[in-house]
C-alpha atoms as a PDB file:
ATOM      1  CA  UNK A   1     -20.828   8.645-125.843  1.00  0.00           C
ATOM      2  CA  UNK A   2     -23.443   8.768-128.606  1.00  0.00           C
ATOM      3  CA  UNK A   3     -24.707  12.047-129.970  1.00  0.00           C
ATOM      4  CA  UNK A   4     -27.418  13.468-127.728  1.00  0.00           C
ATOM      5  CA  UNK A   5     -26.647  11.114-124.844  1.00  0.00           C
ATOM      6  CA  UNK A   6     -26.939  12.473-121.333  1.00  0.00           C
ATOM      7  CA  UNK A   7     -23.875  12.188-119.094  1.00  0.00           C
ATOM      8  CA  UNK A   8     -26.216  10.987-116.343  1.00  0.00           C
ATOM      9  CA  UNK A   9     -29.636   9.446-116.962  1.00  0.00           C
ATOM     10  CA  UNK A  10     -32.708  11.201-115.615  1.00  0.00           C
ATOM     11  CA  UNK A  11     -35.165   8.999-113.714  1.00  0.00           C
ATOM     12  CA  UNK A  12     -38.779  10.124-114.001  1.00  0.00           C
ATOM     13  CA  UNK A  13     -42.129   8.657-113.039  1.00  0.00           C
ATOM     14  CA  UNK A  14     -44.542   7.429-115.694  1.00  0.00           C
ATOM     15  CA  UNK A  15     -48.066   6.116-115.393  1.00  0.00           C
ATOM     16  CA  UNK A  16     -48.848   5.042-111.862  1.00  0.00           C
ATOM     17  CA  UNK A  17     -45.486   5.915-110.380  1.00  0.00           C
ATOM     18  CA  UNK A  18     -43.333   3.503-112.370  1.00  0.00           C
ATOM     19  CA  UNK A  19     -39.773   4.836-112.759  1.00  0.00           C
ATOM     20  CA  UNK A  20     -38.303   5.258-116.224  1.00  0.00           C
ATOM     21  CA  UNK A  21     -34.737   6.134-117.099  1.00  0.00           C
ATOM     22  CA  UNK A  22     -34.257   8.833-119.762  1.00  0.00           C
ATOM     23  CA  UNK A  23     -30.783   8.437-121.282  1.00  0.00           C
ATOM     24  CA  UNK A  24     -30.692  10.897-124.161  1.00  0.00           C
ATOM     25  CA  UNK A  25     -32.317  13.896-125.807  1.00  0.00           C
ATOM     26  CA  UNK A  26     -34.537  11.820-128.091  1.00  0.00           C
ATOM     27  CA  UNK A  27     -35.933   9.801-125.166  1.00  0.00           C
ATOM     28  CA  UNK A  28     -36.638  13.050-123.310  1.00  0.00           C
ATOM     29  CA  UNK A  29     -38.476  14.433-126.333  1.00  0.00           C
ATOM     30  CA  UNK A  30     -40.530  11.241-126.728  1.00  0.00           C
ATOM     31  CA  UNK A  31     -41.397  11.423-123.031  1.00  0.00           C
ATOM     32  CA  UNK A  32     -42.551  15.017-123.487  1.00  0.00           C
ATOM     33  CA  UNK A  33     -44.755  14.060-126.432  1.00  0.00           C
ATOM     34  CA  UNK A  34     -46.848  11.962-124.021  1.00  0.00           C
ATOM     35  CA  UNK A  35     -47.644  14.939-121.772  1.00  0.00           C
ATOM     36  CA  UNK A  36     -51.393  15.659-121.955  1.00  0.00           C
ATOM     37  CA  UNK A  37     -52.306  18.721-123.979  1.00  0.00           C
ATOM     38  CA  UNK A  38     -53.872  20.506-121.012  1.00  0.00           C
ATOM     39  CA  UNK A  39     -50.552  20.344-119.134  1.00  0.00           C
ATOM     40  CA  UNK A  40     -48.533  21.900-121.959  1.00  0.00           C
ATOM     41  CA  UNK A  41     -47.593  25.379-120.837  1.00  0.00           C
ATOM     42  CA  UNK A  42     -44.722  27.685-121.733  1.00  0.00           C
ATOM     43  CA  UNK A  43     -42.304  25.731-119.524  1.00  0.00           C
ATOM     44  CA  UNK A  44     -43.248  22.535-121.371  1.00  0.00           C
ATOM     45  CA  UNK A  45     -42.712  24.219-124.745  1.00  0.00           C
ATOM     46  CA  UNK A  46     -39.355  25.649-123.651  1.00  0.00           C
ATOM     47  CA  UNK A  47     -38.259  22.151-122.616  1.00  0.00           C
ATOM     48  CA  UNK A  48     -39.346  20.730-125.992  1.00  0.00           C
ATOM     49  CA  UNK A  49     -37.459  23.548-127.732  1.00  0.00           C
ATOM     50  CA  UNK A  50     -34.292  22.713-125.757  1.00  0.00           C
ATOM     51  CA  UNK A  51     -34.565  19.061-126.820  1.00  0.00           C
ATOM     52  CA  UNK A  52     -35.130  20.046-130.462  1.00  0.00           C
ATOM     53  CA  UNK A  53     -32.163  22.420-130.322  1.00  0.00           C
ATOM     54  CA  UNK A  54     -29.936  19.651-128.940  1.00  0.00           C
ATOM     55  CA  UNK A  55     -31.088  17.211-131.639  1.00  0.00           C
ATOM     56  CA  UNK A  56     -30.212  19.725-134.347  1.00  0.00           C
ATOM     57  CA  UNK A  57     -26.906  20.775-132.778  1.00  0.00           C
ATOM     58  CA  UNK A  58     -27.935  24.283-131.719  1.00  0.00           C
ATOM     59  CA  UNK A  59     -27.192  23.466-128.086  1.00  0.00           C
ATOM     60  CA  UNK A  60     -25.498  20.649-126.225  1.00  0.00           C
ATOM     61  CA  UNK A  61     -27.165  17.543-124.875  1.00  0.00           C
ATOM     62  CA  UNK A  62     -26.083  18.676-121.402  1.00  0.00           C
ATOM     63  CA  UNK A  63     -28.014  21.934-121.773  1.00  0.00           C
ATOM     64  CA  UNK A  64     -31.124  19.985-122.811  1.00  0.00           C
ATOM     65  CA  UNK A  65     -30.516  17.610-119.892  1.00  0.00           C
ATOM     66  CA  UNK A  66     -30.434  20.506-117.426  1.00  0.00           C
ATOM     67  CA  UNK A  67     -33.639  22.002-118.835  1.00  0.00           C
ATOM     68  CA  UNK A  68     -35.382  18.605-118.783  1.00  0.00           C
ATOM     69  CA  UNK A  69     -34.303  17.983-115.171  1.00  0.00           C
ATOM     70  CA  UNK A  70     -35.602  21.409-114.126  1.00  0.00           C
ATOM     71  CA  UNK A  71     -38.915  20.709-115.887  1.00  0.00           C
ATOM     72  CA  UNK A  72     -39.250  17.260-114.284  1.00  0.00           C
ATOM     73  CA  UNK A  73     -38.407  18.633-110.841  1.00  0.00           C
ATOM     74  CA  UNK A  74     -40.893  21.491-111.217  1.00  0.00           C
ATOM     75  CA  UNK A  75     -43.644  19.111-112.302  1.00  0.00           C
ATOM     76  CA  UNK A  76     -42.922  16.682-109.476  1.00  0.00           C
ATOM     77  CA  UNK A  77     -42.052  13.573-111.474  1.00  0.00           C
ATOM     78  CA  UNK A  78     -38.273  13.655-111.120  1.00  0.00           C
ATOM     79  CA  UNK A  79     -36.719  10.928-108.970  1.00  0.00           C
ATOM     80  CA  UNK A  80     -33.463  12.120-107.470  1.00  0.00           C
ATOM     81  CA  UNK A  81     -32.354   8.509-106.963  1.00  0.00           C
ATOM     82  CA  UNK A  82     -33.637   5.104-108.012  1.00  0.00           C
ATOM     83  CA  UNK A  83     -36.295   3.439-105.908  1.00  0.00           C
ATOM     84  CA  UNK A  84     -35.193   0.156-104.342  1.00  0.00           C
ATOM     85  CA  UNK A  85     -37.066  -2.926-105.583  1.00  0.00           C
ATOM     86  CA  UNK A  86     -39.366  -0.863-107.804  1.00  0.00           C
ATOM     87  CA  UNK A  87     -40.216  -2.333-111.218  1.00  0.00           C
ATOM     88  CA  UNK A  88     -38.618  -0.487-114.121  1.00  0.00           C
ATOM     89  CA  UNK A  89     -40.811   0.458-117.097  1.00  0.00           C
ATOM     90  CA  UNK A  90     -38.944  -2.103-119.208  1.00  0.00           C
ATOM     91  CA  UNK A  91     -39.868  -4.841-116.707  1.00  0.00           C
ATOM     92  CA  UNK A  92     -43.524  -3.820-116.699  1.00  0.00           C
ATOM     93  CA  UNK A  93     -43.656  -3.962-120.497  1.00  0.00           C
ATOM     94  CA  UNK A  94     -42.183  -7.494-120.443  1.00  0.00           C
ATOM     95  CA  UNK A  95     -44.711  -8.630-117.862  1.00  0.00           C
ATOM     96  CA  UNK A  96     -47.622  -7.290-119.921  1.00  0.00           C
ATOM     97  CA  UNK A  97     -46.386  -8.894-123.163  1.00  0.00           C
END
């Protein structure tokens, strides 16, 4: 397992409900960077801090994973399981290219 990798990917919704798989701390942090400024509250900042801490070795990737999952669930964009026959974000990017 690579450094910062999640034991289990987190599937979240992006854009207009397209699922995206988040596999590691860096991907989670990049995802968080796209959150609009008006939606950045203390929970958002705590989640970013957990990702930063995991990237610098101050906490484990699993701890950051748990915080990210809680944030995604609270915000309503966490998918507990993959959607059948739904396009993945990687497929949408290929179609648009």
